[in-house]
Amino acid sequence: MPSKNKNRFKVLILAGGYATRLYPITLNVSKPLLKIDDRAIIDFAVQDLERIPELDEILVITNDKFCKDYLRWKREIESRKKITIINDGTKSDKTKLGAVGDMHYVVSRKKINCDLLVIGGDNIFEKGLMGFVKFAQEKAPNACIGTYDLISKFRARRYGVVQINKDHHISDFQEKPDIPVSTEVAMCMYYFPKETLHFFGEYVKKLKLDRDNAGSYIKWLMTKSRVYGFRFKGLWLDIGQVDTYRRAQRYFFHKKKA
């Protein structure tokens, strides 16, 4: 009988956006498939996920424009995990489902009935996911998010800013504030126990709520139940801007030369 902390779970990698802020770099290439150090950005997460025995499937949600590229990527990447590519059917940035919409789409279409780890396909981090998963499963049935201390409040303005109590409970969440209350920000890294998955359906039915920004969903979820935060250490890069992409390229170039 597996222990509480050895629950089987699936991971959903979000790759359904069109990354218009990186145009023209991403005009014909999905952002998670951009190359850094001869690897696609998405490869960094997949290679880390390989180390987690409780993970039984990697789901990648993309759109109709880039679906064939991900099917090709799936054939080429070496992975012992089952990888499933899901096409959300959208063809442009104007018709995209958004991050929350894509999460709901996958949970509904795949009839997910186990815990779900969600990762932004454009995130790069050096420290392992295993500690986050262990922490999150200990906090079940509450959801958990990955957090990171940027040190700088100026840089934190690009992200969702959080305040965390001593017990790791998130007490406040600000979405891209002009004056952040802290330097701790939310990563695109979420662990949703199976008991919380029904909230996606409730959220998307509310027409005025933002389906594109996952941070808006987390802030709403905090009104329904507790949400906990796990602070990641080491390097973390959210490839949301051209400057961050160039920084990642420089970092791994110099790391290889060292």
Protein backbone atom coordinates (compact mmCIF):
# COMPACT_ATOMS: atom_id res chain seq x y z
CA MET A 1 0.00 0.00 0.00
CA PRO A 2 1.63 3.30 -1.05
CA SER A 3 1.96 6.00 1.60
CA LYS A 4 0.13 9.31 1.42
CA ASN A 5 3.24 10.95 -0.03
CA LYS A 6 3.58 8.37 -2.81
CA ASN A 7 0.42 9.23 -4.74
CA ARG A 8 0.46 8.70 -8.46
CA PHE A 9 -0.11 11.91 -10.38
CA LYS A 10 0.02 13.41 -13.87
CA VAL A 11 1.73 16.55 -15.06
CA LEU A 12 0.27 19.09 -17.48
CA ILE A 13 2.75 21.29 -19.37
CA LEU A 14 1.13 24.46 -20.67
CA ALA A 15 2.16 25.21 -24.26
CA GLY A 16 -1.06 26.61 -25.73
CA GLY A 17 -0.08 30.27 -25.96
CA TYR A 18 1.19 32.25 -28.96
CA ALA A 19 3.92 34.26 -27.16
CA THR A 20 3.21 37.49 -29.03
CA ARG A 21 5.55 39.42 -26.71
CA LEU A 22 8.46 37.52 -28.26
CA TYR A 23 7.51 38.22 -31.89
CA PRO A 24 9.10 37.77 -34.40
CA ILE A 25 11.12 35.04 -32.60
CA THR A 26 7.98 33.03 -31.84
CA LEU A 27 6.02 33.85 -34.97
CA ASN A 28 6.56 30.35 -36.36
CA VAL A 29 7.95 28.55 -33.30
CA SER A 30 6.09 27.75 -30.10
CA LYS A 31 7.94 29.36 -27.17
CA PRO A 32 8.59 26.11 -25.23
CA LEU A 33 10.25 24.71 -28.38
CA LEU A 34 12.78 27.56 -28.62
CA LYS A 35 16.32 26.21 -28.29
CA ILE A 36 18.68 26.96 -25.42
CA ASP A 37 21.95 25.05 -25.18
CA ASP A 38 20.82 22.70 -27.98
CA ARG A 39 17.72 21.80 -25.98
CA ALA A 40 14.15 22.99 -26.31
CA ILE A 41 12.97 24.95 -23.27
CA ILE A 42 10.36 22.26 -22.57
CA ASP A 43 13.12 19.63 -22.40
CA PHE A 44 14.45 21.04 -19.14
CA ALA A 45 11.19 20.23 -17.33
CA VAL A 46 10.75 16.84 -19.00
CA GLN A 47 14.25 15.74 -18.05
CA ASP A 48 13.63 16.74 -14.43
CA LEU A 49 10.28 14.95 -14.38
CA GLU A 50 12.00 11.73 -15.46
CA ARG A 51 13.36 11.40 -11.92
CA ILE A 52 9.95 11.22 -10.22
CA PRO A 53 8.71 7.61 -10.06
CA GLU A 54 5.16 8.56 -9.00
CA LEU A 55 4.57 10.47 -12.24
CA ASP A 56 2.70 8.25 -14.69
CA GLU A 57 1.99 10.58 -17.63
CA ILE A 58 3.17 13.87 -19.12
CA LEU A 59 0.37 15.82 -20.82
CA VAL A 60 1.32 18.69 -23.12
CA ILE A 61 -1.46 21.01 -24.24
CA THR A 62 -0.82 23.10 -27.32
CA ASN A 63 -2.86 24.67 -30.10
CA ASP A 64 -3.73 23.82 -33.67
CA LYS A 65 -0.99 26.06 -35.07
CA PHE A 66 1.84 24.20 -33.32
CA CYS A 67 0.36 20.74 -32.69
CA LYS A 68 2.35 19.07 -35.50
CA ASP A 69 5.57 20.54 -34.10
CA TYR A 70 4.87 18.99 -30.69
CA LEU A 71 4.03 15.63 -32.24
CA ARG A 72 7.42 15.79 -33.97
CA TRP A 73 9.09 16.79 -30.69
CA LYS A 74 7.44 13.84 -28.95
CA ARG A 75 8.92 11.43 -31.51
CA GLU A 76 12.40 12.89 -31.07
CA ILE A 77 12.69 13.29 -27.30
CA GLU A 78 13.95 10.37 -25.24
CA SER A 79 11.64 9.80 -22.30
CA ARG A 80 10.61 6.79 -20.23
CA LYS A 81 7.35 8.52 -19.33
CA LYS A 82 4.20 8.34 -21.40
CA ILE A 83 3.78 11.65 -23.27
CA THR A 84 0.40 12.75 -24.63
CA ILE A 85 -0.01 15.80 -26.88
CA ILE A 86 -3.38 17.55 -26.66
CA ASN A 87 -4.60 20.08 -29.24
CA ASP A 88 -6.96 22.67 -27.74
CA GLY A 89 -8.18 23.50 -31.27
CA THR A 90 -7.38 27.21 -31.27
CA LYS A 91 -5.61 28.86 -34.20
CA SER A 92 -4.68 32.37 -33.02
CA ASP A 93 -3.97 34.52 -29.99
CA LYS A 94 -7.45 36.03 -30.27
CA THR A 95 -9.17 32.67 -29.94
CA LYS A 96 -6.87 31.01 -27.38
CA LEU A 97 -8.43 29.36 -24.34
CA GLY A 98 -5.90 30.86 -21.93
CA ALA A 99 -3.96 29.07 -19.21
CA VAL A 100 -6.97 28.40 -16.98
CA GLY A 101 -9.11 27.50 -19.98
CA ASP A 102 -6.52 24.96 -21.10
CA MET A 103 -6.29 23.44 -17.61
CA HIS A 104 -10.06 23.02 -17.52
CA TYR A 105 -10.05 21.63 -21.07
CA VAL A 106 -7.56 18.91 -20.14
CA VAL A 107 -9.19 18.00 -16.82
CA SER A 108 -12.57 17.67 -18.56
CA ARG A 109 -11.44 15.97 -21.78
CA LYS A 110 -9.07 13.51 -20.13
CA LYS A 111 -11.39 12.97 -17.16
CA ILE A 112 -8.48 13.49 -14.78
CA ASN A 113 -9.22 11.85 -11.42
CA CYS A 114 -5.79 12.02 -9.79
CA ASP A 115 -3.53 14.81 -8.55
CA LEU A 116 -2.30 17.16 -11.27
CA LEU A 117 1.00 19.05 -11.40
CA VAL A 118 0.87 22.01 -13.81
CA ILE A 119 4.00 23.64 -15.22
CA GLY A 120 4.43 26.52 -17.63
CA GLY A 121 6.22 25.18 -20.69
CA ASP A 122 8.43 28.27 -20.80
CA ASN A 123 9.93 27.86 -17.30
CA ILE A 124 13.53 26.80 -16.64
CA PHE A 125 14.70 25.89 -13.16
CA GLU A 126 17.77 24.05 -11.92
CA LYS A 127 16.60 22.56 -8.63
CA GLY A 128 14.48 19.42 -8.78
CA LEU A 129 10.72 19.12 -8.71
CA MET A 130 10.75 16.17 -6.33
CA GLY A 131 10.86 18.37 -3.22
CA PHE A 132 7.93 20.44 -4.47
CA VAL A 133 5.82 17.35 -5.18
CA LYS A 134 6.56 15.86 -1.75
CA PHE A 135 5.69 19.14 -0.03
CA ALA A 136 2.49 19.55 -2.06
CA GLN A 137 1.28 16.04 -1.34
CA GLU A 138 1.78 16.64 2.37
CA LYS A 139 -0.48 19.72 2.11
CA ALA A 140 -3.29 17.88 0.28
CA PRO A 141 -6.19 18.37 -0.15
CA ASN A 142 -5.06 22.00 -0.44
CA ALA A 143 -3.39 23.32 -3.60
CA CYS A 144 0.25 24.44 -3.68
CA ILE A 145 2.21 26.81 -5.89
CA GLY A 146 5.92 27.25 -6.50
CA THR A 147 7.33 30.59 -5.37
CA TYR A 148 10.64 32.36 -5.87
CA ASP A 149 12.33 35.27 -4.12
CA LEU A 150 13.47 37.73 -6.79
CA ILE A 151 15.11 39.95 -4.11
CA SER A 152 14.08 43.00 -6.18
CA LYS A 153 10.63 44.59 -5.85
CA PHE A 154 11.21 46.31 -9.19
CA ARG A 155 11.55 42.93 -10.95
CA ALA A 156 8.66 41.49 -8.94
CA ARG A 157 6.25 43.91 -10.63
CA ARG A 158 6.15 41.63 -13.70
CA TYR A 159 4.69 38.75 -11.68
CA GLY A 160 2.06 37.74 -9.18
CA VAL A 161 3.46 38.77 -5.78
CA VAL A 162 2.71 36.68 -2.70
CA GLN A 163 3.02 36.91 1.05
CA ILE A 164 3.61 33.63 2.87
CA ASN A 165 3.08 32.89 6.57
CA LYS A 166 5.45 30.82 8.69
CA ASP A 167 3.38 27.69 8.01
CA HIS A 168 3.82 28.27 4.22
CA HIS A 169 0.20 29.37 3.85
CA ILE A 170 -0.22 32.12 1.23
CA SER A 171 -1.98 35.02 2.94
CA ASP A 172 -1.95 37.55 0.10
CA PHE A 173 -1.66 37.53 -3.70
CA GLN A 174 -1.19 40.63 -5.88
CA GLU A 175 -1.23 40.35 -9.67
CA LYS A 176 1.54 42.48 -11.22
CA PRO A 177 1.28 45.29 -8.65
CA ASP A 178 2.85 48.72 -9.18
CA ILE A 179 4.05 48.62 -5.56
CA PRO A 180 4.73 45.00 -4.51
CA VAL A 181 4.30 44.06 -0.84
CA SER A 182 7.21 41.62 -1.09
CA THR A 183 9.85 40.24 -3.46
CA GLU A 184 8.34 36.74 -3.39
CA VAL A 185 6.58 35.86 -6.65
CA ALA A 186 4.42 33.03 -7.93
CA MET A 187 5.98 30.75 -10.52
CA CYS A 188 3.92 29.02 -13.19
CA MET A 189 4.09 25.88 -11.06
CA TYR A 190 0.98 24.45 -9.42
CA TYR A 191 0.01 21.23 -7.68
CA PHE A 192 -3.72 20.56 -7.63
CA PRO A 193 -4.84 17.55 -5.54
CA LYS A 194 -7.69 15.64 -7.15
CA GLU A 195 -10.08 17.10 -4.56
CA THR A 196 -9.56 20.57 -6.05
CA LEU A 197 -10.01 19.79 -9.74
CA HIS A 198 -13.75 20.50 -9.73
CA PHE A 199 -12.99 24.17 -9.04
CA PHE A 200 -11.87 24.64 -12.67
CA GLY A 201 -15.41 24.04 -13.89
CA GLU A 202 -16.83 26.46 -11.35
CA TYR A 203 -14.32 29.14 -12.33
CA VAL A 204 -14.76 29.00 -16.11
CA LYS A 205 -18.53 29.28 -15.77
CA LYS A 206 -18.07 32.78 -14.36
CA LEU A 207 -17.84 34.79 -17.59
CA LYS A 208 -16.17 37.86 -16.09
CA LEU A 209 -13.20 35.99 -14.61
CA ASP A 210 -9.84 35.96 -16.41
CA ARG A 211 -9.20 32.59 -18.10
CA ASP A 212 -5.79 33.54 -19.45
CA ASN A 213 -3.95 34.44 -16.26
CA ALA A 214 -3.34 31.51 -13.92
CA GLY A 215 -2.56 33.97 -11.13
CA SER A 216 -6.14 35.23 -11.25
CA TYR A 217 -7.34 31.67 -10.76
CA ILE A 218 -5.04 31.16 -7.77
CA LYS A 219 -6.28 34.37 -6.17
CA TRP A 220 -9.87 33.19 -6.68
CA LEU A 221 -9.01 29.70 -5.35
CA MET A 222 -7.73 31.29 -2.15
CA THR A 223 -11.34 32.30 -1.41
CA LYS A 224 -12.37 28.63 -1.59
CA SER A 225 -9.58 26.89 0.32
CA ARG A 226 -6.05 27.35 1.60
CA VAL A 227 -3.21 27.59 -0.88
CA TYR A 228 0.37 26.88 0.18
CA GLY A 229 3.68 28.06 -1.25
CA PHE A 230 6.95 26.20 -1.76
CA ARG A 231 10.03 28.35 -2.31
CA PHE A 232 12.34 27.17 -5.10
CA LYS A 233 16.09 27.74 -4.82
CA GLY A 234 18.77 28.14 -7.49
CA LEU A 235 18.17 29.39 -11.00
CA TRP A 236 14.66 30.12 -12.26
CA LEU A 237 13.92 31.74 -15.60
CA ASP A 238 10.44 32.52 -16.87
CA ILE A 239 10.94 33.07 -20.60
CA GLY A 240 8.25 35.71 -20.94
CA GLN A 241 10.32 38.47 -22.48
CA VAL A 242 13.09 38.68 -25.08
CA ASP A 243 15.57 39.84 -22.41
CA THR A 244 14.93 36.75 -20.30
CA TYR A 245 15.38 34.49 -23.32
CA ARG A 246 18.72 36.12 -24.13
CA ARG A 247 19.76 35.85 -20.49
CA ALA A 248 19.02 32.13 -20.51
CA GLN A 249 21.07 31.66 -23.68
CA ARG A 250 24.03 33.51 -22.15
CA TYR A 251 23.79 31.63 -18.86
CA PHE A 252 23.91 28.16 -20.40
CA PHE A 253 26.55 29.19 -22.95
CA HIS A 254 28.90 30.30 -20.17
CA LYS A 255 28.00 27.29 -18.03
CA LYS A 256 29.01 24.95 -20.84
CA LYS A 257 32.30 26.82 -21.31
CA ALA A 258 33.13 26.75 -17.58
